[in-house]
Amino acid sequence: MMNYVRVTTVEEVKDLTVEELDFLYDGDANSVGMLLAHMAAVEKAYQIETFENRDFTEEKLERLTPGLELGSAGRKQFKGNSIEFYLRELSAVRNTTIEKFKTLPDEWLFEQTPFWWNRPANNYFKWFHVFEDELSHRGQIRIIKKMMNKKKK
């Protein structure tokens, strides 16, 4: 499922120019590039959360925060990059995820730990959230592309 979602996301963005990746419909908006960076950052965060079962180091949190939170930090950091930049990052993160999944027993998916608001959640739910988040942001990307096309006309 994760790979299918990724294939359809890549198909949606693969031909975008740097200008299109950086397009902001207003001063508070997220760009397509920002959303792609967010997808990679979320997956990295869940790798730490579920594979390493630890909190973020200050250094890792500092590197991930612009991608996780987006906003002004994301607008500042994620601009001027080609689609190849974002696709390389998404691919590298996903490859790490898939390789780790190959080493884990199926039972790992059902291990529960405290999660959002300190409520129990299993790894299956956590990783469902990773690609559910990507699906949601792919919808945003489609809306942004429509807004770009409308503005071009």
Protein backbone atom coordinates (compact mmCIF):
# COMPACT_ATOMS: atom_id res chain seq x y z
CA MET A 1 0.00 0.00 0.00
CA MET A 2 2.79 2.40 0.86
CA ASN A 3 4.50 1.76 -2.45
CA TYR A 4 1.28 2.23 -4.40
CA VAL A 5 0.65 5.55 -2.69
CA ARG A 6 4.22 6.62 -3.46
CA VAL A 7 3.95 5.65 -7.14
CA THR A 8 0.80 7.72 -7.51
CA THR A 9 2.39 10.66 -5.67
CA VAL A 10 5.46 10.57 -7.92
CA GLU A 11 3.24 10.37 -11.00
CA GLU A 12 1.47 13.54 -9.84
CA VAL A 13 4.67 15.59 -9.41
CA LYS A 14 7.37 14.10 -11.66
CA ASP A 15 7.16 16.76 -14.38
CA LEU A 16 6.94 19.85 -12.17
CA THR A 17 9.47 22.63 -12.66
CA VAL A 18 11.27 24.39 -9.82
CA GLU A 19 8.91 27.34 -10.29
CA GLU A 20 5.90 25.04 -9.96
CA LEU A 21 7.38 23.25 -6.93
CA ASP A 22 7.87 26.64 -5.23
CA PHE A 23 4.48 28.14 -6.17
CA LEU A 24 2.66 29.73 -3.20
CA TYR A 25 -0.91 30.85 -3.74
CA ASP A 26 -0.55 33.20 -0.76
CA GLY A 27 1.96 34.14 1.92
CA ASP A 28 0.82 31.46 4.37
CA ALA A 29 0.52 28.59 1.90
CA ASN A 30 2.51 25.40 1.51
CA SER A 31 4.19 24.74 -1.80
CA VAL A 32 4.31 21.36 -3.53
CA GLY A 33 8.01 21.17 -2.67
CA MET A 34 7.22 21.79 0.98
CA LEU A 35 4.64 19.02 0.98
CA LEU A 36 7.08 16.58 -0.61
CA ALA A 37 9.69 17.49 2.01
CA HIS A 38 7.01 17.00 4.67
CA MET A 39 6.30 13.48 3.40
CA ALA A 40 9.97 12.57 3.73
CA ALA A 41 10.27 14.18 7.17
CA VAL A 42 7.19 12.37 8.50
CA GLU A 43 8.55 9.03 7.34
CA LYS A 44 11.95 9.77 8.93
CA ALA A 45 10.20 10.69 12.18
CA TYR A 46 8.26 7.43 12.20
CA GLN A 47 11.45 5.49 11.52
CA ILE A 48 12.88 6.94 14.72
CA GLU A 49 9.62 6.47 16.64
CA THR A 50 9.03 2.85 15.63
CA PHE A 51 12.35 1.35 14.50
CA GLU A 52 14.55 2.98 17.13
CA ASN A 53 11.81 3.39 19.77
CA ARG A 54 13.30 6.63 21.06
CA ASP A 55 12.75 10.36 21.19
CA PHE A 56 14.41 12.69 18.72
CA THR A 57 17.83 14.10 19.50
CA GLU A 58 18.01 17.90 19.48
CA GLU A 59 20.05 17.74 16.28
CA LYS A 60 17.58 15.46 14.51
CA LEU A 61 14.62 17.52 15.71
CA GLU A 62 16.25 20.69 14.41
CA ARG A 63 16.75 19.08 10.97
CA LEU A 64 13.24 17.59 10.79
CA THR A 65 11.19 20.46 12.20
CA PRO A 66 10.93 22.60 9.02
CA GLY A 67 9.64 19.58 7.11
CA LEU A 68 7.35 18.39 9.88
CA GLU A 69 5.83 21.73 10.80
CA LEU A 70 6.17 23.55 7.46
CA GLY A 71 5.03 27.17 7.95
CA SER A 72 7.58 29.96 7.59
CA ALA A 73 10.55 27.67 8.33
CA GLY A 74 9.40 25.31 5.58
CA ARG A 75 8.85 28.16 3.11
CA LYS A 76 12.38 29.38 3.82
CA GLN A 77 14.10 25.98 3.63
CA PHE A 78 12.22 24.26 0.81
CA LYS A 79 12.55 26.43 -2.26
CA GLY A 80 14.71 26.40 -5.33
CA ASN A 81 14.98 22.62 -5.42
CA SER A 82 14.33 20.47 -8.48
CA ILE A 83 11.91 17.58 -8.52
CA GLU A 84 14.93 15.28 -8.59
CA PHE A 85 15.98 16.65 -5.19
CA TYR A 86 12.63 15.76 -3.63
CA LEU A 87 12.32 12.40 -5.39
CA ARG A 88 15.81 11.37 -4.25
CA GLU A 89 14.93 12.20 -0.65
CA LEU A 90 11.60 10.39 -0.81
CA SER A 91 13.25 7.35 -2.39
CA ALA A 92 16.10 7.20 0.12
CA VAL A 93 13.74 7.43 3.08
CA ARG A 94 11.39 4.81 1.63
CA ASN A 95 14.28 2.44 0.87
CA THR A 96 15.34 2.63 4.51
CA THR A 97 11.78 1.87 5.61
CA ILE A 98 11.36 -1.11 3.28
CA GLU A 99 14.75 -2.59 4.18
CA LYS A 100 13.91 -2.34 7.89
CA PHE A 101 10.45 -3.84 7.37
CA LYS A 102 12.14 -6.87 5.79
CA THR A 103 13.97 -7.57 9.07
CA LEU A 104 10.98 -7.30 11.39
CA PRO A 105 8.62 -10.12 12.33
CA ASP A 106 4.92 -9.68 11.61
CA GLU A 107 4.26 -9.52 15.35
CA TRP A 108 6.13 -6.21 15.47
CA LEU A 109 3.22 -4.56 13.64
CA PHE A 110 0.95 -5.25 16.61
CA GLU A 111 3.29 -4.06 19.37
CA GLN A 112 1.65 -1.20 21.25
CA THR A 113 3.29 1.83 22.80
CA PRO A 114 1.93 5.14 24.07
CA PHE A 115 1.33 7.46 21.15
CA TRP A 116 -0.81 10.52 20.49
CA TRP A 117 -2.04 12.01 23.75
CA ASN A 118 -0.36 9.05 25.47
CA ARG A 119 -2.92 6.59 24.14
CA PRO A 120 -1.82 3.11 23.04
CA ALA A 121 -1.23 2.53 19.33
CA ASN A 122 0.41 -0.28 17.45
CA ASN A 123 3.04 0.02 14.74
CA TYR A 124 0.54 -0.97 12.09
CA PHE A 125 -1.53 2.13 12.89
CA LYS A 126 1.56 4.32 13.04
CA TRP A 127 2.72 3.25 9.59
CA PHE A 128 -0.81 3.50 8.23
CA HIS A 129 -0.65 7.13 9.33
CA VAL A 130 2.54 7.69 7.31
CA PHE A 131 0.88 6.88 4.01
CA GLU A 132 -2.50 8.28 5.06
CA ASP A 133 -0.69 11.59 5.61
CA GLU A 134 0.90 11.31 2.16
CA LEU A 135 -2.51 10.67 0.58
CA SER A 136 -3.93 13.74 2.24
CA HIS A 137 -1.06 15.94 1.09
CA ARG A 138 -1.25 14.52 -2.42
CA GLY A 139 -4.79 15.86 -2.49
CA GLN A 140 -3.41 19.26 -1.50
CA ILE A 141 -0.84 18.98 -4.29
CA ARG A 142 -3.62 18.40 -6.81
CA ILE A 143 -5.45 21.49 -5.56
CA ILE A 144 -2.24 23.56 -5.72
CA LYS A 145 -1.67 22.41 -9.31
CA LYS A 146 -5.21 23.49 -10.23
CA MET A 147 -4.61 26.88 -8.62
CA MET A 148 -1.32 27.24 -10.53
CA ASN A 149 -3.03 26.44 -13.83
CA LYS A 150 -5.82 28.88 -13.09
CA LYS A 151 -3.31 31.62 -12.27
CA LYS A 152 -1.37 30.93 -15.51
CA LYS A 153 -4.52 31.53 -17.59
